[in-house]
Amino acid sequence: MGGVPILENNIHQTMDWIYAIEEACHWDMDNQKKAFAALRAVLHELRDLLPMESCAQLSAQLPLVIRGIFFENWRPRFIPTQEIKKEDFLSAIAETLYPYSNDMNVEETTRGVLQVLAEKLPLGELENISQNISKEIQDLFQKDYCREDIGG
């Protein structure tokens, strides 16, 4: 019985992202559940900051399985009228990551996930994200975490 090549390819792409997050966060291998939870949490918080059009553009760049994670439980709403502070962004991620957040540095984990996004997404998509998030959150995409500065 043969598989469905497009699904198999997307599962492999998704696992590549998961392994890359483990590496970026300096975790031992065999932390796929934690890496998956971190990817999901960061994507959801990022998604909730972006206008609908930017969400659609970003999702088009994601592997099929990760695109599903991105849209999971999404309830489109208006973008906040005030800038979201880094502490609030990280706090929301920590809440979503519970119980994993008890034994991790949430900011470093977020930086690791964002590093993987920066490595896997086209630079134009990173610029689009940057235009729609606060400078404080942009700073989580620091040079040492991605191929070059965004938004500057």
C-alpha atoms as a PDB file:
ATOM      1  CA  MET A   1       0.000   0.000   0.000  1.00  0.00           C
ATOM      2  CA  GLY A   2       1.555   3.279  -1.128  1.00  0.00           C
ATOM      3  CA  GLY A   3       1.416   6.550   0.735  1.00  0.00           C
ATOM      4  CA  VAL A   4       0.252   9.901  -0.485  1.00  0.00           C
ATOM      5  CA  PRO A   5       3.455  11.665  -1.584  1.00  0.00           C
ATOM      6  CA  ILE A   6       2.290  15.227  -0.876  1.00  0.00           C
ATOM      7  CA  LEU A   7       1.266  14.255   2.670  1.00  0.00           C
ATOM      8  CA  GLU A   8       4.455  12.303   3.293  1.00  0.00           C
ATOM      9  CA  ASN A   9       6.535  15.253   2.041  1.00  0.00           C
ATOM     10  CA  ASN A  10       4.648  17.657   4.316  1.00  0.00           C
ATOM     11  CA  ILE A  11       5.097  15.388   7.334  1.00  0.00           C
ATOM     12  CA  HIS A  12       8.849  15.321   6.611  1.00  0.00           C
ATOM     13  CA  GLN A  13       8.918  19.136   6.245  1.00  0.00           C
ATOM     14  CA  THR A  14       7.054  19.518   9.528  1.00  0.00           C
ATOM     15  CA  MET A  15       9.462  17.198  11.316  1.00  0.00           C
ATOM     16  CA  ASP A  16      12.384  19.185   9.856  1.00  0.00           C
ATOM     17  CA  TRP A  17      10.888  22.299  11.490  1.00  0.00           C
ATOM     18  CA  ILE A  18      10.420  20.438  14.793  1.00  0.00           C
ATOM     19  CA  TYR A  19      14.025  19.174  14.774  1.00  0.00           C
ATOM     20  CA  ALA A  20      15.254  22.673  13.855  1.00  0.00           C
ATOM     21  CA  ILE A  21      13.378  24.113  16.849  1.00  0.00           C
ATOM     22  CA  GLU A  22      14.950  21.526  19.163  1.00  0.00           C
ATOM     23  CA  GLU A  23      18.360  22.551  17.848  1.00  0.00           C
ATOM     24  CA  ALA A  24      17.677  26.307  17.969  1.00  0.00           C
ATOM     25  CA  CYS A  25      16.470  25.987  21.582  1.00  0.00           C
ATOM     26  CA  HIS A  26      19.502  23.850  22.493  1.00  0.00           C
ATOM     27  CA  TRP A  27      17.325  20.999  23.700  1.00  0.00           C
ATOM     28  CA  ASP A  28      18.284  17.352  23.662  1.00  0.00           C
ATOM     29  CA  MET A  29      16.832  15.438  20.783  1.00  0.00           C
ATOM     30  CA  ASP A  30      13.648  13.643  21.777  1.00  0.00           C
ATOM     31  CA  ASN A  31      11.835  16.841  22.770  1.00  0.00           C
ATOM     32  CA  GLN A  32       9.527  16.826  19.749  1.00  0.00           C
ATOM     33  CA  LYS A  33       6.379  17.312  21.860  1.00  0.00           C
ATOM     34  CA  LYS A  34       7.879  20.380  23.517  1.00  0.00           C
ATOM     35  CA  ALA A  35       9.134  21.744  20.170  1.00  0.00           C
ATOM     36  CA  PHE A  36       5.711  21.180  18.598  1.00  0.00           C
ATOM     37  CA  ALA A  37       4.025  22.966  21.529  1.00  0.00           C
ATOM     38  CA  ALA A  38       6.471  25.887  21.209  1.00  0.00           C
ATOM     39  CA  LEU A  39       5.895  26.201  17.459  1.00  0.00           C
ATOM     40  CA  ARG A  40       2.133  26.134  17.970  1.00  0.00           C
ATOM     41  CA  ALA A  41       2.198  28.709  20.778  1.00  0.00           C
ATOM     42  CA  VAL A  42       4.436  31.178  18.933  1.00  0.00           C
ATOM     43  CA  LEU A  43       2.530  30.818  15.657  1.00  0.00           C
ATOM     44  CA  HIS A  44      -0.803  31.413  17.399  1.00  0.00           C
ATOM     45  CA  GLU A  45       0.405  34.543  19.180  1.00  0.00           C
ATOM     46  CA  LEU A  46       2.017  35.875  16.013  1.00  0.00           C
ATOM     47  CA  ARG A  47      -1.138  35.100  14.031  1.00  0.00           C
ATOM     48  CA  ASP A  48      -3.276  37.019  16.512  1.00  0.00           C
ATOM     49  CA  LEU A  49      -1.145  40.144  16.008  1.00  0.00           C
ATOM     50  CA  LEU A  50      -1.320  40.133  12.219  1.00  0.00           C
ATOM     51  CA  PRO A  51      -4.025  41.522   9.936  1.00  0.00           C
ATOM     52  CA  MET A  52      -5.997  38.867   8.038  1.00  0.00           C
ATOM     53  CA  GLU A  53      -4.206  39.545   4.757  1.00  0.00           C
ATOM     54  CA  SER A  54      -0.811  39.079   6.421  1.00  0.00           C
ATOM     55  CA  CYS A  55      -2.029  35.847   8.029  1.00  0.00           C
ATOM     56  CA  ALA A  56      -3.023  34.567   4.603  1.00  0.00           C
ATOM     57  CA  GLN A  57       0.342  35.544   3.119  1.00  0.00           C
ATOM     58  CA  LEU A  58       2.265  33.935   5.972  1.00  0.00           C
ATOM     59  CA  SER A  59       0.199  30.749   5.885  1.00  0.00           C
ATOM     60  CA  ALA A  60       0.897  30.329   2.161  1.00  0.00           C
ATOM     61  CA  GLN A  61       4.606  30.004   3.022  1.00  0.00           C
ATOM     62  CA  LEU A  62       4.092  27.292   5.640  1.00  0.00           C
ATOM     63  CA  PRO A  63       4.141  23.547   5.012  1.00  0.00           C
ATOM     64  CA  LEU A  64       0.624  22.123   4.862  1.00  0.00           C
ATOM     65  CA  VAL A  65       0.675  20.549   8.336  1.00  0.00           C
ATOM     66  CA  ILE A  66       2.110  23.687   9.959  1.00  0.00           C
ATOM     67  CA  ARG A  67      -0.485  25.775   8.097  1.00  0.00           C
ATOM     68  CA  GLY A  68      -3.152  23.682   9.802  1.00  0.00           C
ATOM     69  CA  ILE A  69      -1.526  24.341  13.187  1.00  0.00           C
ATOM     70  CA  PHE A  70      -1.385  28.056  12.350  1.00  0.00           C
ATOM     71  CA  PHE A  71      -5.143  28.232  11.712  1.00  0.00           C
ATOM     72  CA  GLU A  72      -6.162  25.871  14.540  1.00  0.00           C
ATOM     73  CA  ASN A  73      -8.893  27.496  16.684  1.00  0.00           C
ATOM     74  CA  TRP A  74      -8.462  30.835  14.881  1.00  0.00           C
ATOM     75  CA  ARG A  75     -11.204  33.347  15.385  1.00  0.00           C
ATOM     76  CA  PRO A  76     -10.373  36.327  13.156  1.00  0.00           C
ATOM     77  CA  ARG A  77     -10.734  39.586  15.006  1.00  0.00           C
ATOM     78  CA  PHE A  78      -9.652  43.149  14.782  1.00  0.00           C
ATOM     79  CA  ILE A  79      -5.999  43.882  15.363  1.00  0.00           C
ATOM     80  CA  PRO A  80      -5.310  45.467  18.769  1.00  0.00           C
ATOM     81  CA  THR A  81      -5.359  49.252  18.625  1.00  0.00           C
ATOM     82  CA  GLN A  82      -2.408  49.503  20.973  1.00  0.00           C
ATOM     83  CA  GLU A  83       0.963  47.870  20.533  1.00  0.00           C
ATOM     84  CA  ILE A  84       1.362  44.568  22.308  1.00  0.00           C
ATOM     85  CA  LYS A  85       4.338  44.631  24.642  1.00  0.00           C
ATOM     86  CA  LYS A  86       6.955  41.911  24.580  1.00  0.00           C
ATOM     87  CA  GLU A  87       6.091  40.867  28.142  1.00  0.00           C
ATOM     88  CA  ASP A  88       2.428  40.351  27.194  1.00  0.00           C
ATOM     89  CA  PHE A  89       3.414  38.417  24.070  1.00  0.00           C
ATOM     90  CA  LEU A  90       5.749  36.149  26.065  1.00  0.00           C
ATOM     91  CA  SER A  91       3.229  35.762  28.874  1.00  0.00           C
ATOM     92  CA  ALA A  92       0.573  34.562  26.418  1.00  0.00           C
ATOM     93  CA  ILE A  93       3.057  32.080  24.956  1.00  0.00           C
ATOM     94  CA  ALA A  94       3.955  30.831  28.447  1.00  0.00           C
ATOM     95  CA  GLU A  95       0.268  30.328  29.225  1.00  0.00           C
ATOM     96  CA  THR A  96      -0.213  28.280  26.068  1.00  0.00           C
ATOM     97  CA  LEU A  97       2.939  26.268  26.750  1.00  0.00           C
ATOM     98  CA  TYR A  98       1.911  25.222  30.255  1.00  0.00           C
ATOM     99  CA  PRO A  99       2.996  22.706  31.622  1.00  0.00           C
ATOM    100  CA  TYR A 100       6.128  22.831  29.430  1.00  0.00           C
ATOM    101  CA  SER A 101       6.760  26.453  30.429  1.00  0.00           C
ATOM    102  CA  ASN A 102       7.629  25.366  33.971  1.00  0.00           C
ATOM    103  CA  ASP A 103      10.969  23.963  32.825  1.00  0.00           C
ATOM    104  CA  MET A 104      11.935  26.347  30.028  1.00  0.00           C
ATOM    105  CA  ASN A 105      12.981  29.917  29.427  1.00  0.00           C
ATOM    106  CA  VAL A 106       9.979  31.152  27.423  1.00  0.00           C
ATOM    107  CA  GLU A 107      11.843  34.075  25.871  1.00  0.00           C
ATOM    108  CA  GLU A 108      14.703  31.863  24.682  1.00  0.00           C
ATOM    109  CA  THR A 109      12.213  29.296  23.393  1.00  0.00           C
ATOM    110  CA  THR A 110      10.324  32.019  21.508  1.00  0.00           C
ATOM    111  CA  ARG A 111      13.600  33.278  20.048  1.00  0.00           C
ATOM    112  CA  GLY A 112      14.424  29.726  18.948  1.00  0.00           C
ATOM    113  CA  VAL A 113      11.081  29.299  17.180  1.00  0.00           C
ATOM    114  CA  LEU A 114      11.448  32.718  15.547  1.00  0.00           C
ATOM    115  CA  GLN A 115      14.966  31.746  14.436  1.00  0.00           C
ATOM    116  CA  VAL A 116      13.497  28.734  12.638  1.00  0.00           C
ATOM    117  CA  LEU A 117      10.817  30.925  11.043  1.00  0.00           C
ATOM    118  CA  ALA A 118      13.552  33.308   9.886  1.00  0.00           C
ATOM    119  CA  GLU A 119      15.514  30.416   8.389  1.00  0.00           C
ATOM    120  CA  LYS A 120      12.554  28.737   6.696  1.00  0.00           C
ATOM    121  CA  LEU A 121      10.521  31.697   5.413  1.00  0.00           C
ATOM    122  CA  PRO A 122      11.411  34.001   2.509  1.00  0.00           C
ATOM    123  CA  LEU A 123      12.887  37.334   3.596  1.00  0.00           C
ATOM    124  CA  GLY A 124       9.918  39.210   2.103  1.00  0.00           C
ATOM    125  CA  GLU A 125       7.583  37.342   4.430  1.00  0.00           C
ATOM    126  CA  LEU A 126       9.705  38.294   7.442  1.00  0.00           C
ATOM    127  CA  GLU A 127       9.504  41.931   6.370  1.00  0.00           C
ATOM    128  CA  ASN A 128       5.712  41.640   6.101  1.00  0.00           C
ATOM    129  CA  ILE A 129       5.539  40.223   9.637  1.00  0.00           C
ATOM    130  CA  SER A 130       7.882  42.933  10.896  1.00  0.00           C
ATOM    131  CA  GLN A 131       5.668  45.710   9.545  1.00  0.00           C
ATOM    132  CA  ASN A 132       2.773  44.418  11.619  1.00  0.00           C
ATOM    133  CA  ILE A 133       4.350  43.830  15.025  1.00  0.00           C
ATOM    134  CA  SER A 134       5.772  46.141  17.655  1.00  0.00           C
ATOM    135  CA  LYS A 135       9.468  46.988  17.785  1.00  0.00           C
ATOM    136  CA  GLU A 136       9.714  45.100  21.099  1.00  0.00           C
ATOM    137  CA  ILE A 137       8.504  41.896  19.463  1.00  0.00           C
ATOM    138  CA  GLN A 138      10.620  42.524  16.355  1.00  0.00           C
ATOM    139  CA  ASP A 139      13.632  42.542  18.663  1.00  0.00           C
ATOM    140  CA  LEU A 140      12.975  38.868  19.418  1.00  0.00           C
ATOM    141  CA  PHE A 141      14.180  38.290  15.816  1.00  0.00           C
ATOM    142  CA  GLN A 142      17.716  39.472  16.707  1.00  0.00           C
ATOM    143  CA  LYS A 143      20.645  39.059  14.357  1.00  0.00           C
ATOM    144  CA  ASP A 144      22.081  36.154  16.280  1.00  0.00           C
ATOM    145  CA  TYR A 145      18.777  34.315  15.812  1.00  0.00           C
ATOM    146  CA  CYS A 146      18.184  34.915  12.106  1.00  0.00           C
ATOM    147  CA  ARG A 147      20.036  35.407   8.845  1.00  0.00           C
ATOM    148  CA  GLU A 148      19.749  39.197   8.970  1.00  0.00           C
ATOM    149  CA  ASP A 149      17.874  41.926  10.797  1.00  0.00           C
ATOM    150  CA  ILE A 150      14.252  42.457   9.767  1.00  0.00           C
ATOM    151  CA  GLY A 151      12.314  45.640   9.910  1.00  0.00           C
ATOM    152  CA  GLY A 152      15.309  47.914  10.038  1.00  0.00           C
END
